[in-house]
Amino acid sequence: LPVPQVEDPSELLNGSVTTHVLNTVTGQPAEGLALRLARLQGPEPQWTELVQRVTDTDGRCQPLLAPGQATASTYKLRFETAPYWQGLGHSSLYPYVEVVFTITDPAQKLHVPLLISPYSYTTYRGS
């Protein structure tokens, strides 16, 4: 999928859905980790992929949904953790991590951080 160009750098922090990935083994941001956002939709609900991103040197990426793009729905963030760990010379228990969440108020910003190690992960609602 094409990556939209952001003209105003402040938009990198002001999207309606954002994430940040931290490698808890090193305490450093997880750079180069691929992730995808999908939304559950349709009369027979199915996941529809909305966007793909790769984390930067700070473990962040452009907003997954720009301001005004979110709708009240259920979403899934899929983080491709196995290739990330393999790139660092580690094996891992989890080939990927999926975080499913519901947006009830589309006007409210949602930040979904992920803390990872080869054998565990944690997520929470960030600010």
N, C-alpha and C. Protein backbone atom coordinates (compact mmCIF):
# COMPACT_ATOMS: atom_id res chain seq x y z
N LEU A 1 0.84 -1.18 0.00
CA LEU A 1 0.00 0.00 0.00
C LEU A 1 0.89 1.24 0.00
N PRO A 2 0.48 2.30 -0.68
CA PRO A 2 1.30 3.51 -0.69
C PRO A 2 1.30 4.18 0.67
N VAL A 3 2.45 4.77 0.99
CA VAL A 3 2.58 5.50 2.25
C VAL A 3 2.30 6.97 1.95
N PRO A 4 1.28 7.55 2.60
CA PRO A 4 0.98 8.95 2.34
C PRO A 4 2.11 9.85 2.81
N GLN A 5 2.36 10.89 2.06
CA GLN A 5 3.37 11.86 2.44
C GLN A 5 2.77 12.83 3.45
N VAL A 6 3.53 13.11 4.49
CA VAL A 6 3.07 14.03 5.52
C VAL A 6 3.77 15.36 5.29
N GLU A 7 2.99 16.41 5.00
CA GLU A 7 3.58 17.71 4.73
C GLU A 7 3.94 18.43 6.02
N ASP A 8 3.16 18.24 7.05
CA ASP A 8 3.41 18.91 8.32
C ASP A 8 3.96 17.87 9.30
N PRO A 9 5.23 17.99 9.73
CA PRO A 9 5.81 16.99 10.63
C PRO A 9 5.03 16.78 11.91
N SER A 10 4.27 17.77 12.36
CA SER A 10 3.50 17.59 13.59
C SER A 10 2.42 16.53 13.41
N GLU A 11 2.04 16.25 12.16
CA GLU A 11 1.04 15.21 11.92
C GLU A 11 1.56 13.83 12.32
N LEU A 12 2.89 13.66 12.38
CA LEU A 12 3.45 12.38 12.78
C LEU A 12 3.02 12.01 14.20
N LEU A 13 2.75 12.99 15.02
CA LEU A 13 2.34 12.74 16.39
C LEU A 13 0.86 12.95 16.61
N ASN A 14 0.18 13.57 15.67
CA ASN A 14 -1.20 13.97 15.89
C ASN A 14 -2.24 13.11 15.17
N GLY A 15 -1.86 11.95 14.66
CA GLY A 15 -2.83 11.09 14.02
C GLY A 15 -3.82 10.58 15.05
N SER A 16 -4.94 10.04 14.58
CA SER A 16 -5.94 9.56 15.53
C SER A 16 -5.57 8.19 16.08
N VAL A 17 -4.73 7.41 15.38
CA VAL A 17 -4.24 6.13 15.89
C VAL A 17 -2.74 6.08 15.66
N THR A 18 -1.98 5.92 16.76
CA THR A 18 -0.53 5.85 16.67
C THR A 18 -0.01 4.68 17.50
N THR A 19 1.26 4.32 17.28
CA THR A 19 1.88 3.24 18.05
C THR A 19 3.34 3.54 18.26
N HIS A 20 3.94 2.80 19.16
CA HIS A 20 5.37 2.88 19.48
C HIS A 20 5.78 1.50 19.95
N VAL A 21 6.91 0.99 19.45
CA VAL A 21 7.37 -0.35 19.83
C VAL A 21 8.72 -0.24 20.51
N LEU A 22 8.84 -0.86 21.70
CA LEU A 22 10.06 -0.83 22.47
C LEU A 22 10.58 -2.24 22.67
N ASN A 23 11.87 -2.46 22.37
CA ASN A 23 12.56 -3.72 22.61
C ASN A 23 12.96 -3.70 24.09
N THR A 24 12.33 -4.55 24.91
CA THR A 24 12.61 -4.51 26.35
C THR A 24 13.88 -5.27 26.72
N VAL A 25 14.48 -6.00 25.78
CA VAL A 25 15.76 -6.64 26.04
C VAL A 25 16.86 -5.59 26.11
N THR A 26 16.81 -4.65 25.16
CA THR A 26 17.84 -3.61 25.08
C THR A 26 17.38 -2.30 25.71
N GLY A 27 16.08 -2.13 25.90
CA GLY A 27 15.55 -0.86 26.38
C GLY A 27 15.54 0.21 25.30
N GLN A 28 15.71 -0.22 24.05
CA GLN A 28 15.78 0.69 22.92
C GLN A 28 14.54 0.56 22.04
N PRO A 29 14.23 1.57 21.24
CA PRO A 29 13.12 1.46 20.29
C PRO A 29 13.36 0.30 19.31
N ALA A 30 12.28 -0.32 18.89
CA ALA A 30 12.35 -1.43 17.92
C ALA A 30 12.28 -0.84 16.52
N GLU A 31 13.43 -0.67 15.90
CA GLU A 31 13.52 -0.08 14.56
C GLU A 31 13.34 -1.16 13.50
N GLY A 32 12.60 -0.83 12.43
CA GLY A 32 12.45 -1.72 11.30
C GLY A 32 11.43 -2.83 11.49
N LEU A 33 10.52 -2.68 12.42
CA LEU A 33 9.48 -3.69 12.66
C LEU A 33 8.25 -3.36 11.81
N ALA A 34 7.85 -4.30 10.97
CA ALA A 34 6.69 -4.11 10.10
C ALA A 34 5.40 -4.33 10.89
N LEU A 35 4.37 -3.54 10.55
CA LEU A 35 3.08 -3.68 11.20
C LEU A 35 1.97 -3.30 10.23
N ARG A 36 0.78 -3.79 10.53
CA ARG A 36 -0.39 -3.53 9.68
C ARG A 36 -1.60 -3.22 10.56
N LEU A 37 -2.45 -2.36 10.06
CA LEU A 37 -3.71 -2.04 10.73
C LEU A 37 -4.86 -2.52 9.86
N ALA A 38 -5.81 -3.22 10.48
CA ALA A 38 -7.01 -3.69 9.76
C ALA A 38 -8.24 -3.30 10.57
N ARG A 39 -9.38 -3.21 9.89
CA ARG A 39 -10.66 -2.90 10.54
C ARG A 39 -11.64 -4.03 10.27
N LEU A 40 -12.42 -4.38 11.26
CA LEU A 40 -13.46 -5.39 11.12
C LEU A 40 -14.68 -4.72 10.52
N GLN A 41 -15.14 -5.18 9.36
CA GLN A 41 -16.27 -4.53 8.71
C GLN A 41 -17.02 -5.50 7.80
N GLY A 42 -18.21 -5.10 7.44
CA GLY A 42 -19.05 -5.87 6.53
C GLY A 42 -20.17 -6.58 7.23
N PRO A 43 -21.19 -7.02 6.44
CA PRO A 43 -22.34 -7.72 7.02
C PRO A 43 -21.94 -9.05 7.65
N GLU A 44 -20.98 -9.74 7.04
CA GLU A 44 -20.36 -10.92 7.65
C GLU A 44 -18.95 -10.46 7.97
N PRO A 45 -18.74 -9.92 9.17
CA PRO A 45 -17.51 -9.20 9.47
C PRO A 45 -16.23 -9.92 9.05
N GLN A 46 -15.39 -9.16 8.34
CA GLN A 46 -14.08 -9.63 7.91
C GLN A 46 -13.09 -8.51 8.15
N TRP A 47 -11.82 -8.90 8.30
CA TRP A 47 -10.76 -7.91 8.47
C TRP A 47 -10.39 -7.32 7.13
N THR A 48 -10.37 -6.00 7.06
CA THR A 48 -9.95 -5.27 5.86
C THR A 48 -8.70 -4.48 6.22
N GLU A 49 -7.60 -4.81 5.54
CA GLU A 49 -6.35 -4.11 5.83
C GLU A 49 -6.43 -2.67 5.35
N LEU A 50 -6.02 -1.75 6.22
CA LEU A 50 -6.09 -0.32 5.92
C LEU A 50 -4.73 0.28 5.58
N VAL A 51 -3.69 -0.17 6.27
CA VAL A 51 -2.38 0.45 6.09
C VAL A 51 -1.27 -0.47 6.58
N GLN A 52 -0.09 -0.30 5.99
CA GLN A 52 1.13 -0.99 6.42
C GLN A 52 2.16 0.07 6.76
N ARG A 53 2.95 -0.20 7.78
CA ARG A 53 4.01 0.72 8.18
C ARG A 53 5.22 -0.09 8.64
N VAL A 54 6.35 0.61 8.78
CA VAL A 54 7.57 0.06 9.37
C VAL A 54 8.07 1.09 10.37
N THR A 55 8.46 0.63 11.56
CA THR A 55 8.90 1.56 12.58
C THR A 55 10.24 2.21 12.21
N ASP A 56 10.41 3.45 12.66
CA ASP A 56 11.63 4.21 12.38
C ASP A 56 12.64 4.01 13.52
N THR A 57 13.70 4.81 13.55
CA THR A 57 14.75 4.66 14.57
C THR A 57 14.24 4.91 15.98
N ASP A 58 13.10 5.56 16.11
CA ASP A 58 12.51 5.81 17.42
C ASP A 58 11.42 4.80 17.76
N GLY A 59 11.27 3.74 16.93
CA GLY A 59 10.24 2.73 17.18
C GLY A 59 8.84 3.20 16.85
N ARG A 60 8.74 4.32 16.13
CA ARG A 60 7.45 4.90 15.77
C ARG A 60 7.29 4.88 14.25
N CYS A 61 6.11 5.21 13.79
CA CYS A 61 5.85 5.33 12.36
C CYS A 61 4.81 6.43 12.16
N GLN A 62 4.58 6.76 10.91
CA GLN A 62 3.54 7.74 10.62
C GLN A 62 2.23 7.24 11.20
N PRO A 63 1.30 8.14 11.53
CA PRO A 63 0.02 7.71 12.09
C PRO A 63 -0.64 6.63 11.24
N LEU A 64 -1.27 5.70 11.91
CA LEU A 64 -1.96 4.62 11.21
C LEU A 64 -3.26 5.12 10.61
N LEU A 65 -3.88 6.05 11.28
CA LEU A 65 -5.05 6.74 10.75
C LEU A 65 -4.83 8.23 11.00
N ALA A 66 -5.02 9.02 9.98
CA ALA A 66 -4.86 10.46 10.11
C ALA A 66 -6.04 11.03 10.88
N PRO A 67 -5.92 12.26 11.38
CA PRO A 67 -7.05 12.88 12.07
C PRO A 67 -8.30 12.83 11.18
N GLY A 68 -9.41 12.39 11.77
CA GLY A 68 -10.68 12.32 11.04
C GLY A 68 -10.90 11.02 10.29
N GLN A 69 -9.91 10.15 10.21
CA GLN A 69 -10.07 8.88 9.46
C GLN A 69 -10.69 7.76 10.28
N ALA A 70 -10.59 7.83 11.59
CA ALA A 70 -11.10 6.75 12.43
C ALA A 70 -12.62 6.72 12.42
N THR A 71 -13.17 5.52 12.55
CA THR A 71 -14.61 5.35 12.72
C THR A 71 -14.81 4.45 13.94
N ALA A 72 -16.00 4.50 14.51
CA ALA A 72 -16.32 3.63 15.63
C ALA A 72 -16.37 2.20 15.09
N SER A 73 -15.41 1.39 15.49
CA SER A 73 -15.29 0.04 14.95
C SER A 73 -14.25 -0.73 15.75
N THR A 74 -14.07 -2.00 15.40
CA THR A 74 -13.03 -2.83 15.99
C THR A 74 -11.86 -2.89 15.01
N TYR A 75 -10.65 -2.74 15.54
CA TYR A 75 -9.43 -2.70 14.73
C TYR A 75 -8.45 -3.74 15.23
N LYS A 76 -7.49 -4.08 14.37
CA LYS A 76 -6.44 -5.03 14.73
C LYS A 76 -5.10 -4.50 14.25
N LEU A 77 -4.15 -4.38 15.17
CA LEU A 77 -2.77 -4.06 14.83
C LEU A 77 -1.99 -5.36 14.84
N ARG A 78 -1.33 -5.67 13.73
CA ARG A 78 -0.52 -6.89 13.65
C ARG A 78 0.94 -6.47 13.51
N PHE A 79 1.75 -6.86 14.49
CA PHE A 79 3.17 -6.55 14.52
C PHE A 79 3.94 -7.80 14.10
N GLU A 80 4.79 -7.69 13.10
CA GLU A 80 5.56 -8.83 12.57
C GLU A 80 6.84 -8.99 13.40
N THR A 81 6.72 -9.68 14.53
CA THR A 81 7.83 -9.76 15.48
C THR A 81 8.90 -10.78 15.10
N ALA A 82 8.55 -11.90 14.49
CA ALA A 82 9.57 -12.92 14.16
C ALA A 82 10.65 -12.37 13.23
N PRO A 83 10.30 -11.70 12.12
CA PRO A 83 11.36 -11.16 11.26
C PRO A 83 12.23 -10.13 11.99
N TYR A 84 11.62 -9.36 12.88
CA TYR A 84 12.38 -8.37 13.65
C TYR A 84 13.43 -9.08 14.49
N TRP A 85 13.01 -10.11 15.27
CA TRP A 85 13.95 -10.82 16.14
C TRP A 85 14.98 -11.59 15.33
N GLN A 86 14.56 -12.19 14.22
CA GLN A 86 15.51 -12.91 13.37
C GLN A 86 16.59 -11.97 12.86
N GLY A 87 16.21 -10.74 12.53
CA GLY A 87 17.17 -9.75 12.07
C GLY A 87 18.20 -9.38 13.13
N LEU A 88 17.85 -9.62 14.39
CA LEU A 88 18.77 -9.35 15.50
C LEU A 88 19.50 -10.62 15.95
N GLY A 89 19.26 -11.73 15.24
CA GLY A 89 19.92 -12.99 15.57
C GLY A 89 19.27 -13.77 16.69
N HIS A 90 17.99 -13.49 16.97
CA HIS A 90 17.26 -14.18 18.03
C HIS A 90 16.12 -15.01 17.43
N SER A 91 15.77 -16.08 18.12
CA SER A 91 14.51 -16.75 17.80
C SER A 91 13.48 -16.15 18.75
N SER A 92 12.20 -16.41 18.48
CA SER A 92 11.17 -15.87 19.35
C SER A 92 10.00 -16.83 19.42
N LEU A 93 9.27 -16.74 20.50
CA LEU A 93 8.10 -17.60 20.70
C LEU A 93 6.93 -17.16 19.83
N TYR A 94 6.78 -15.85 19.65
CA TYR A 94 5.63 -15.31 18.95
C TYR A 94 6.03 -14.86 17.54
N PRO A 95 5.47 -15.49 16.49
CA PRO A 95 5.80 -15.08 15.12
C PRO A 95 5.24 -13.70 14.79
N TYR A 96 4.18 -13.33 15.47
CA TYR A 96 3.59 -12.00 15.32
C TYR A 96 2.76 -11.73 16.57
N VAL A 97 2.44 -10.46 16.77
CA VAL A 97 1.58 -10.06 17.89
C VAL A 97 0.40 -9.32 17.29
N GLU A 98 -0.80 -9.74 17.63
CA GLU A 98 -2.00 -9.04 17.19
C GLU A 98 -2.68 -8.40 18.40
N VAL A 99 -2.93 -7.12 18.27
CA VAL A 99 -3.62 -6.37 19.32
C VAL A 99 -4.95 -5.90 18.73
N VAL A 100 -6.03 -6.41 19.29
CA VAL A 100 -7.37 -6.06 18.82
C VAL A 100 -7.97 -5.07 19.81
N PHE A 101 -8.53 -3.97 19.28
CA PHE A 101 -9.08 -2.94 20.15
C PHE A 101 -10.30 -2.31 19.47
N THR A 102 -11.13 -1.66 20.27
CA THR A 102 -12.33 -1.02 19.77
C THR A 102 -12.24 0.49 19.96
N ILE A 103 -12.55 1.20 18.90
CA ILE A 103 -12.66 2.66 18.99
C ILE A 103 -14.14 2.98 19.15
N THR A 104 -14.49 3.61 20.27
CA THR A 104 -15.88 3.99 20.50
C THR A 104 -16.10 5.48 20.22
N ASP A 105 -15.03 6.28 20.42
CA ASP A 105 -15.11 7.72 20.16
C ASP A 105 -14.06 8.09 19.12
N PRO A 106 -14.44 8.14 17.83
CA PRO A 106 -13.48 8.42 16.77
C PRO A 106 -12.78 9.77 16.88
N ALA A 107 -13.33 10.68 17.66
CA ALA A 107 -12.72 12.01 17.81
C ALA A 107 -11.54 11.98 18.78
N GLN A 108 -11.44 10.90 19.56
CA GLN A 108 -10.40 10.82 20.57
C GLN A 108 -9.16 10.11 20.02
N LYS A 109 -7.98 10.67 20.29
CA LYS A 109 -6.73 10.06 19.85
C LYS A 109 -6.50 8.75 20.60
N LEU A 110 -5.95 7.75 19.92
CA LEU A 110 -5.65 6.46 20.54
C LEU A 110 -4.20 6.11 20.24
N HIS A 111 -3.40 5.88 21.29
CA HIS A 111 -2.00 5.47 21.16
C HIS A 111 -1.88 4.06 21.73
N VAL A 112 -1.37 3.11 20.93
CA VAL A 112 -1.28 1.71 21.32
C VAL A 112 0.19 1.28 21.31
N PRO A 113 0.91 1.45 22.43
CA PRO A 113 2.30 1.03 22.49
C PRO A 113 2.43 -0.49 22.65
N LEU A 114 3.59 -1.02 22.23
CA LEU A 114 3.88 -2.44 22.38
C LEU A 114 5.29 -2.58 22.92
N LEU A 115 5.44 -3.34 24.00
CA LEU A 115 6.74 -3.67 24.58
C LEU A 115 7.01 -5.13 24.24
N ILE A 116 8.18 -5.42 23.64
CA ILE A 116 8.43 -6.79 23.19
C ILE A 116 9.78 -7.32 23.66
N SER A 117 9.80 -8.63 23.87
CA SER A 117 11.02 -9.40 24.05
C SER A 117 10.79 -10.69 23.26
N PRO A 118 11.80 -11.53 23.08
CA PRO A 118 11.56 -12.75 22.29
C PRO A 118 10.50 -13.69 22.89
N TYR A 119 10.25 -13.58 24.20
CA TYR A 119 9.34 -14.52 24.84
C TYR A 119 8.19 -13.87 25.61
N SER A 120 7.98 -12.57 25.37
CA SER A 120 6.85 -11.91 26.02
C SER A 120 6.52 -10.62 25.28
N TYR A 121 5.31 -10.13 25.56
CA TYR A 121 4.93 -8.82 25.05
C TYR A 121 3.88 -8.22 25.97
N THR A 122 3.80 -6.89 25.95
CA THR A 122 2.83 -6.14 26.75
C THR A 122 2.32 -4.98 25.92
N THR A 123 1.07 -4.69 26.06
CA THR A 123 0.49 -3.52 25.39
C THR A 123 -0.42 -2.81 26.38
N TYR A 124 -0.69 -1.56 26.10
CA TYR A 124 -1.55 -0.77 26.97
C TYR A 124 -2.06 0.42 26.21
N ARG A 125 -3.03 1.12 26.76
CA ARG A 125 -3.49 2.35 26.13
C ARG A 125 -2.56 3.47 26.58
N GLY A 126 -1.86 4.04 25.61
CA GLY A 126 -0.92 5.11 25.91
C GLY A 126 -1.59 6.47 25.73
N SER A 127 -0.77 7.49 25.86
CA SER A 127 -1.28 8.85 25.71
C SER A 127 -0.48 9.61 24.67
